[in-house]
N, C-alpha and C. Protein backbone atom coordinates (compact mmCIF):
# COMPACT_ATOMS: atom_id res chain seq x y z
N MET A 1 1.00 -1.52 0.05
CA MET A 1 -0.12 -0.38 -0.13
C MET A 1 0.52 0.95 -0.06
N ASP A 2 0.50 1.87 -1.14
CA ASP A 2 1.37 2.99 -0.40
C ASP A 2 0.76 4.06 -0.13
N GLN A 3 2.05 5.12 0.35
CA GLN A 3 1.59 6.03 1.59
C GLN A 3 0.70 7.25 1.05
N ALA A 4 0.44 7.68 -0.16
CA ALA A 4 -0.45 8.65 -0.43
C ALA A 4 -2.19 7.70 -0.29
N TRP A 5 -1.85 6.44 -0.40
CA TRP A 5 -3.33 5.87 -0.36
C TRP A 5 -3.35 5.51 1.22
N ARG A 6 -2.53 5.06 1.76
CA ARG A 6 -2.55 5.14 3.24
C ARG A 6 -3.18 6.27 4.12
N ASP A 7 -2.71 7.38 3.49
CA ASP A 7 -2.93 8.46 4.44
C ASP A 7 -4.58 9.05 3.90
N SER A 8 -4.61 9.19 2.35
CA SER A 8 -6.11 9.04 2.15
C SER A 8 -7.08 8.28 2.89
N TYR A 9 -6.22 7.35 2.95
CA TYR A 9 -7.61 6.16 3.91
C TYR A 9 -7.86 6.53 5.29
N LEU A 10 -6.52 6.55 5.86
CA LEU A 10 -6.56 6.66 7.00
C LEU A 10 -7.49 8.37 7.08
N ILE A 11 -7.03 9.13 7.06
CA ILE A 11 -7.71 10.75 6.73
C ILE A 11 -9.19 10.10 6.97
N MET A 12 -9.42 9.50 5.70
CA MET A 12 -10.74 9.66 5.44
C MET A 12 -11.84 8.64 6.98
N GLU A 13 -10.77 7.95 6.96
CA GLU A 13 -11.44 7.06 8.83
C GLU A 13 -11.76 8.06 9.81
N LEU A 14 -10.37 8.54 10.05
CA LEU A 14 -10.17 9.99 11.01
C LEU A 14 -11.48 10.01 11.15
N SER A 15 -11.88 11.36 9.81
CA SER A 15 -12.65 12.04 9.40
C SER A 15 -14.26 11.48 10.00
N LYS A 16 -14.43 10.14 9.59
CA LYS A 16 -15.73 9.57 9.87
C LYS A 16 -15.58 9.62 11.67
N LEU A 17 -14.90 8.88 12.24
CA LEU A 17 -14.89 9.17 13.69
C LEU A 17 -14.82 10.58 14.62
N ARG A 18 -14.30 11.67 13.88
CA ARG A 18 -14.08 12.62 14.57
C ARG A 18 -15.53 13.49 14.34
N PHE A 19 -16.31 13.13 13.00
CA PHE A 19 -17.71 13.79 12.87
C PHE A 19 -18.80 12.86 13.10
N SER A 20 -18.79 11.48 13.78
CA SER A 20 -19.93 10.36 14.09
C SER A 20 -20.39 11.58 15.65
N GLN A 21 -21.49 10.97 16.02
CA GLN A 21 -22.58 12.03 16.47
C GLN A 21 -21.53 12.24 17.73
N LYS A 22 -20.88 10.72 18.70
CA LYS A 22 -20.87 10.91 19.74
C LYS A 22 -19.37 12.01 20.01
N VAL A 23 -18.53 11.37 18.82
CA VAL A 23 -17.48 12.41 19.04
C VAL A 23 -17.08 13.76 19.02
N ASP A 24 -18.55 13.84 17.94
CA ASP A 24 -18.55 15.75 17.81
C ASP A 24 -19.39 15.76 18.78
N ASP A 25 -20.25 15.15 19.60
CA ASP A 25 -20.89 15.86 20.98
C ASP A 25 -19.94 16.40 21.97
N ALA A 26 -18.74 15.52 22.00
CA ALA A 26 -18.00 15.63 23.11
C ALA A 26 -16.75 16.67 22.78
N PHE A 27 -16.58 16.53 21.39
CA PHE A 27 -15.73 18.02 20.96
C PHE A 27 -16.42 19.45 21.37
N ASN A 28 -17.69 19.28 21.00
CA ASN A 28 -18.40 20.33 21.19
C ASN A 28 -18.65 21.04 22.79
N TRP A 29 -18.70 19.76 23.39
CA TRP A 29 -19.06 20.07 25.23
C TRP A 29 -17.54 20.54 25.04
N ILE A 30 -15.91 20.25 24.97
CA ILE A 30 -15.07 20.59 25.35
C ILE A 30 -14.49 22.16 24.61
N ALA A 31 -14.82 22.28 23.35
CA ALA A 31 -14.77 23.43 22.99
C ALA A 31 -15.66 24.46 24.28
N TYR A 32 -17.01 23.92 24.19
CA TYR A 32 -17.91 25.61 24.33
C TYR A 32 -18.40 25.16 25.88
N GLN A 33 -18.34 24.33 26.74
CA GLN A 33 -18.55 24.10 27.73
C GLN A 33 -17.59 23.80 28.98
N PHE A 34 -16.43 23.02 28.66
CA PHE A 34 -15.70 22.89 29.46
C PHE A 34 -15.16 23.80 30.05
N GLN A 35 -15.24 23.73 31.37
CA GLN A 35 -14.20 24.92 32.10
C GLN A 35 -13.83 24.08 33.37
N ALA A 36 -12.19 24.02 33.65
CA ALA A 36 -11.55 23.61 34.95
C ALA A 36 -10.17 24.33 34.38
N LYS A 37 -9.89 24.80 35.72
CA LYS A 37 -8.61 25.67 36.02
C LYS A 37 -7.37 24.39 35.96
N ASP A 38 -7.40 23.24 36.80
CA ASP A 38 -6.49 22.34 37.48
C ASP A 38 -7.32 21.10 37.53
N TYR A 39 -6.34 19.73 37.80
CA TYR A 39 -7.12 18.81 37.88
C TYR A 39 -7.70 18.58 39.00
N LEU A 40 -8.16 19.10 40.24
CA LEU A 40 -8.58 19.00 41.29
C LEU A 40 -10.04 19.90 41.04
N GLU A 41 -10.11 20.72 40.41
CA GLU A 41 -11.44 21.28 39.58
C GLU A 41 -12.16 20.54 39.16
N PHE A 42 -11.38 19.73 38.37
CA PHE A 42 -11.91 18.89 37.02
C PHE A 42 -12.46 17.71 37.94
N LYS A 43 -12.11 17.19 39.10
CA LYS A 43 -12.46 15.92 39.74
C LYS A 43 -13.48 16.32 40.33
N GLU A 44 -13.58 17.72 40.95
CA GLU A 44 -14.80 18.05 41.43
C GLU A 44 -15.97 18.15 40.69
N LYS A 45 -16.00 18.42 39.65
CA LYS A 45 -16.89 18.73 38.68
C LYS A 45 -17.54 17.50 37.72
N TYR A 46 -16.46 16.60 37.53
CA TYR A 46 -16.59 16.06 36.47
C TYR A 46 -16.35 14.55 36.83
N PRO A 47 -17.09 14.14 37.74
CA PRO A 47 -16.28 12.66 38.85
C PRO A 47 -16.06 11.55 37.62
N ARG A 48 -15.23 10.60 38.19
CA ARG A 48 -15.56 9.08 37.25
C ARG A 48 -16.64 8.57 37.24
N GLY A 49 -17.22 8.37 35.49
CA GLY A 49 -18.59 7.85 35.21
C GLY A 49 -19.35 9.06 34.75
N SER A 50 -19.05 9.94 35.06
CA SER A 50 -19.45 11.25 34.66
C SER A 50 -19.75 11.42 32.81
N PRO A 51 -21.07 11.83 32.65
CA PRO A 51 -21.05 12.19 30.76
C PRO A 51 -19.89 13.13 30.78
N GLU A 52 -20.00 14.17 31.34
CA GLU A 52 -18.72 14.81 30.97
C GLU A 52 -17.13 14.40 31.11
N ARG A 53 -16.90 13.70 32.05
CA ARG A 53 -15.82 13.28 32.00
C ARG A 53 -15.94 12.05 31.14
N ARG A 54 -16.78 11.54 30.37
CA ARG A 54 -16.61 11.06 29.27
C ARG A 54 -16.22 11.58 27.81
N ALA A 55 -17.12 12.42 27.88
CA ALA A 55 -16.79 13.49 26.86
C ALA A 55 -15.56 14.21 26.95
N PHE A 56 -14.71 14.19 28.07
CA PHE A 56 -13.18 14.63 28.20
C PHE A 56 -12.52 13.37 27.63
N SER A 57 -12.50 12.19 28.11
CA SER A 57 -11.89 11.09 27.89
C SER A 57 -11.94 10.70 26.00
N THR A 58 -13.58 11.01 25.62
CA THR A 58 -13.70 10.81 24.55
C THR A 58 -12.69 11.63 23.14
N VAL A 59 -12.40 13.26 23.54
CA VAL A 59 -11.76 13.89 23.08
C VAL A 59 -9.95 13.39 22.78
N CYS A 60 -9.82 13.33 24.44
CA CYS A 60 -8.48 13.14 24.44
C CYS A 60 -8.03 11.58 24.16
N ASN A 61 -8.95 10.72 24.06
CA ASN A 61 -8.90 9.45 23.12
C ASN A 61 -8.33 9.58 22.17
N PHE A 62 -9.22 10.57 20.52
CA PHE A 62 -9.38 10.52 19.71
C PHE A 62 -8.13 11.66 19.09
N PHE A 63 -7.88 12.20 19.94
CA PHE A 63 -6.44 12.88 19.67
C PHE A 63 -5.00 11.84 20.37
N GLU A 64 -5.18 11.37 21.00
CA GLU A 64 -3.99 10.66 21.35
C GLU A 64 -3.85 9.19 19.73
N LEU A 65 -5.10 8.70 19.48
CA LEU A 65 -4.97 7.87 18.53
C LEU A 65 -4.32 9.15 17.45
N CYS A 66 -4.62 10.00 16.99
CA CYS A 66 -4.44 10.60 15.91
C CYS A 66 -2.87 10.92 16.04
N GLY A 67 -2.49 10.90 17.04
CA GLY A 67 -0.79 11.58 17.87
C GLY A 67 -0.14 10.14 16.99
N THR A 68 -0.51 9.31 18.14
CA THR A 68 0.03 8.07 17.84
C THR A 68 0.48 7.91 16.10
N LEU A 69 -0.58 7.83 15.38
CA LEU A 69 -0.88 7.40 13.94
C LEU A 69 0.51 8.38 12.94
N VAL A 70 0.15 9.70 13.23
CA VAL A 70 1.05 10.50 13.04
C VAL A 70 2.67 10.57 13.67
N LEU A 71 2.84 10.70 14.75
CA LEU A 71 4.29 10.34 15.81
C LEU A 71 4.78 9.07 15.09
N ARG A 72 4.25 8.19 14.58
CA ARG A 72 4.76 6.83 14.40
C ARG A 72 5.26 7.25 12.72
N GLY A 73 4.76 8.01 11.58
CA GLY A 73 4.52 8.17 10.40
C GLY A 73 4.06 6.95 9.65
N LEU A 74 2.60 7.13 10.36
CA LEU A 74 1.99 5.86 9.63
C LEU A 74 0.91 7.10 8.40
N LEU A 75 0.81 8.07 9.24
CA LEU A 75 -0.25 9.34 8.48
C LEU A 75 0.65 10.72 8.66
N SER A 76 0.99 10.96 7.07
CA SER A 76 1.54 12.44 7.09
C SER A 76 1.17 13.21 7.57
N GLU A 77 2.09 14.08 8.46
CA GLU A 77 1.67 15.43 9.08
C GLU A 77 1.23 16.07 8.38
N ASP A 78 1.64 16.40 7.11
CA ASP A 78 1.23 17.26 6.33
C ASP A 78 -0.20 17.07 6.18
N VAL A 79 -0.82 16.18 6.09
CA VAL A 79 -2.03 15.38 5.19
C VAL A 79 -3.47 15.64 6.97
N PHE A 80 -2.50 15.64 7.95
CA PHE A 80 -3.16 15.77 9.18
C PHE A 80 -3.34 17.38 9.80
N PHE A 81 -2.40 17.53 9.65
CA PHE A 81 -2.41 19.48 10.05
C PHE A 81 -2.87 19.98 9.10
N GLU A 82 -3.30 19.58 7.97
CA GLU A 82 -3.98 20.48 6.85
C GLU A 82 -5.43 20.18 7.44
N ILE A 83 -6.03 19.53 7.83
CA ILE A 83 -7.62 19.27 8.49
C ILE A 83 -7.65 19.72 9.71
N GLY A 84 -6.46 19.19 10.71
CA GLY A 84 -6.45 19.16 12.45
C GLY A 84 -7.28 19.13 13.26
N PHE A 85 -8.55 18.70 12.50
CA PHE A 85 -9.85 18.00 13.07
C PHE A 85 -9.79 19.17 14.92
N GLY A 86 -9.77 20.06 15.22
CA GLY A 86 -9.81 21.09 16.18
C GLY A 86 -8.78 20.65 16.91
N LEU A 87 -7.81 20.16 17.07
CA LEU A 87 -6.61 19.64 18.31
C LEU A 87 -6.10 20.90 18.59
N THR A 88 -6.04 22.59 17.60
CA THR A 88 -5.21 23.83 18.52
C THR A 88 -6.70 24.00 19.34
N THR A 89 -7.82 23.64 19.22
CA THR A 89 -9.06 24.09 20.34
C THR A 89 -8.93 23.23 21.23
N ALA A 90 -8.46 21.98 20.90
CA ALA A 90 -9.28 20.82 22.20
C ALA A 90 -7.70 20.90 23.20
N TRP A 91 -6.49 21.01 22.59
CA TRP A 91 -5.46 20.68 23.85
C TRP A 91 -4.92 22.11 24.30
N PRO A 92 -5.33 23.28 24.26
CA PRO A 92 -5.04 24.30 25.00
C PRO A 92 -6.68 24.15 26.41
N LYS A 93 -7.60 23.73 26.26
CA LYS A 93 -8.76 23.63 27.05
C LYS A 93 -8.26 22.67 27.92
N VAL A 94 -7.57 21.28 27.70
CA VAL A 94 -7.51 20.40 28.98
C VAL A 94 -6.16 20.42 28.89
N LYS A 95 -5.23 21.39 28.72
CA LYS A 95 -3.48 21.11 29.05
C LYS A 95 -3.41 21.38 30.77
N ASN A 96 -3.96 21.90 30.98
CA ASN A 96 -4.23 22.42 32.48
C ASN A 96 -4.26 21.43 32.96
N ILE A 97 -5.11 20.58 33.17
CA ILE A 97 -5.86 19.35 33.72
C ILE A 97 -4.42 17.83 33.51
N MET A 98 -3.69 18.29 32.72
CA MET A 98 -3.06 17.27 32.36
C MET A 98 -1.86 16.45 33.57
N LYS A 99 -1.14 17.60 34.20
CA LYS A 99 -0.11 17.45 35.12
C LYS A 99 -0.73 16.61 36.27
N GLY A 100 -2.09 17.29 36.91
CA GLY A 100 -2.57 16.48 37.95
C GLY A 100 -2.89 15.24 37.50
N TYR A 101 -3.72 14.80 36.32
CA TYR A 101 -4.21 14.08 36.34
C TYR A 101 -3.34 12.98 35.76
N ARG A 102 -2.14 12.96 34.73
CA ARG A 102 -0.76 12.55 34.96
C ARG A 102 -0.26 11.65 36.16
N ALA A 103 -0.07 12.59 37.09
CA ALA A 103 0.26 12.19 38.46
C ALA A 103 -0.46 11.58 39.47
N GLU A 104 -1.57 11.41 39.21
CA GLU A 104 -2.68 10.76 39.98
C GLU A 104 -2.93 9.08 39.01
N THR A 105 -2.05 8.98 37.99
CA THR A 105 -3.02 7.94 37.16
C THR A 105 -1.77 7.23 36.27
N ASP A 106 -1.25 8.60 35.52
CA ASP A 106 0.17 7.66 34.08
C ASP A 106 0.62 8.70 33.76
N PRO A 107 1.65 8.56 34.27
CA PRO A 107 2.59 9.78 33.61
C PRO A 107 2.81 9.62 31.97
N ARG A 108 2.57 8.55 31.51
CA ARG A 108 2.28 9.20 30.16
C ARG A 108 1.15 9.26 29.30
N LEU A 109 0.09 9.40 29.88
CA LEU A 109 -1.13 9.44 29.82
C LEU A 109 -1.40 11.04 28.51
N TYR A 110 -2.02 10.31 27.72
CA TYR A 110 -2.31 11.55 27.05
C TYR A 110 -1.13 11.96 26.13
N GLU A 111 0.00 11.48 26.53
CA GLU A 111 1.18 12.23 25.67
C GLU A 111 1.49 11.99 24.40
N ASN A 112 0.80 11.26 23.55
CA ASN A 112 0.89 11.51 21.53
C ASN A 112 -0.35 13.31 21.61
N PHE A 113 -1.01 12.79 22.30
CA PHE A 113 -2.07 14.01 21.93
C PHE A 113 -1.78 15.56 22.10
N GLU A 114 -0.39 15.43 23.24
CA GLU A 114 0.21 16.60 23.64
C GLU A 114 1.42 16.93 22.81
N ALA A 115 1.98 15.57 22.07
CA ALA A 115 3.32 15.78 21.25
C ALA A 115 2.91 15.74 20.24
N LEU A 116 1.61 15.96 19.68
CA LEU A 116 0.79 15.67 18.59
C LEU A 116 0.69 17.70 18.47
N TYR A 117 0.52 18.03 19.32
CA TYR A 117 -0.09 19.64 19.00
C TYR A 117 1.11 20.28 19.43
N ASN A 118 2.21 20.25 20.01
CA ASN A 118 3.43 20.62 19.78
C ASN A 118 4.23 20.43 18.88
N ARG A 119 4.09 19.33 17.86
CA ARG A 119 4.48 19.37 16.55
C ARG A 119 3.72 20.01 15.70
N ASN A 120 2.72 20.22 15.83
CA ASN A 120 1.66 21.11 14.91
C ASN A 120 2.53 22.50 15.05
N LEU A 121 2.26 22.77 16.18
CA LEU A 121 3.01 24.38 16.54
C LEU A 121 4.34 24.71 15.47
N GLU A 122 5.20 23.40 15.56
CA GLU A 122 5.98 23.56 14.88
C GLU A 122 6.24 23.72 13.04
N TRP A 123 5.15 22.78 12.94
CA TRP A 123 4.49 22.46 11.70
C TRP A 123 3.81 24.22 10.97
N ASN A 124 3.08 24.57 12.29
CA ASN A 124 2.78 26.01 11.76
C ASN A 124 3.52 26.84 10.58
N GLU A 125 4.59 26.76 11.86
CA GLU A 125 5.56 28.15 11.72
C GLU A 125 6.28 27.79 10.59
N LYS A 126 6.32 26.67 9.81
CA LYS A 126 6.88 26.56 8.45
C LYS A 126 6.24 26.22 7.50
N HIS A 127 4.43 26.20 7.74
CA HIS A 127 4.10 26.09 7.00
C HIS A 127 2.85 27.66 7.03
N PRO A 128 3.04 28.64 6.60
CA PRO A 128 1.76 29.83 6.67
C PRO A 128 0.90 29.22 5.98
N PRO A 129 -0.16 30.07 6.40
CA PRO A 129 -1.53 30.15 5.57
C PRO A 129 -1.32 30.37 3.71
N LYS A 130 -2.55 29.42 3.08
CA LYS A 130 -2.55 29.56 1.60
C LYS A 130 -2.59 31.05 1.60
N VAL A 131 -3.97 30.81 2.10
CA VAL A 131 -4.64 32.93 1.68
C VAL A 131 -4.31 33.24 2.25
């Protein structure tokens, strides 16, 4: 399978997933309703098992998957970053939660999501807007 075909296939599959009702609803909640200044507030407002915690996890898991594909070279970063799927909206909303969340659970939690966001910042510097 050549890289262009694989990139096309993966980006279409990610598009289906990202714009599925569950992920889209979760993303909209993160973008427009989620508010927590740190992990302690996050735990208080959105306890385990709550719909909000599931929405948070849904968005983070989606971008963790994307990060894994891009960072391992299975999906072209150029193709992914051209579309982005709201990466630059999602990470800034959740980043202040991660230090405490990782300390309490797993130090590598959502590391590919964060690395993908940081790689996107570098990519944007090298690729100015086309219009």
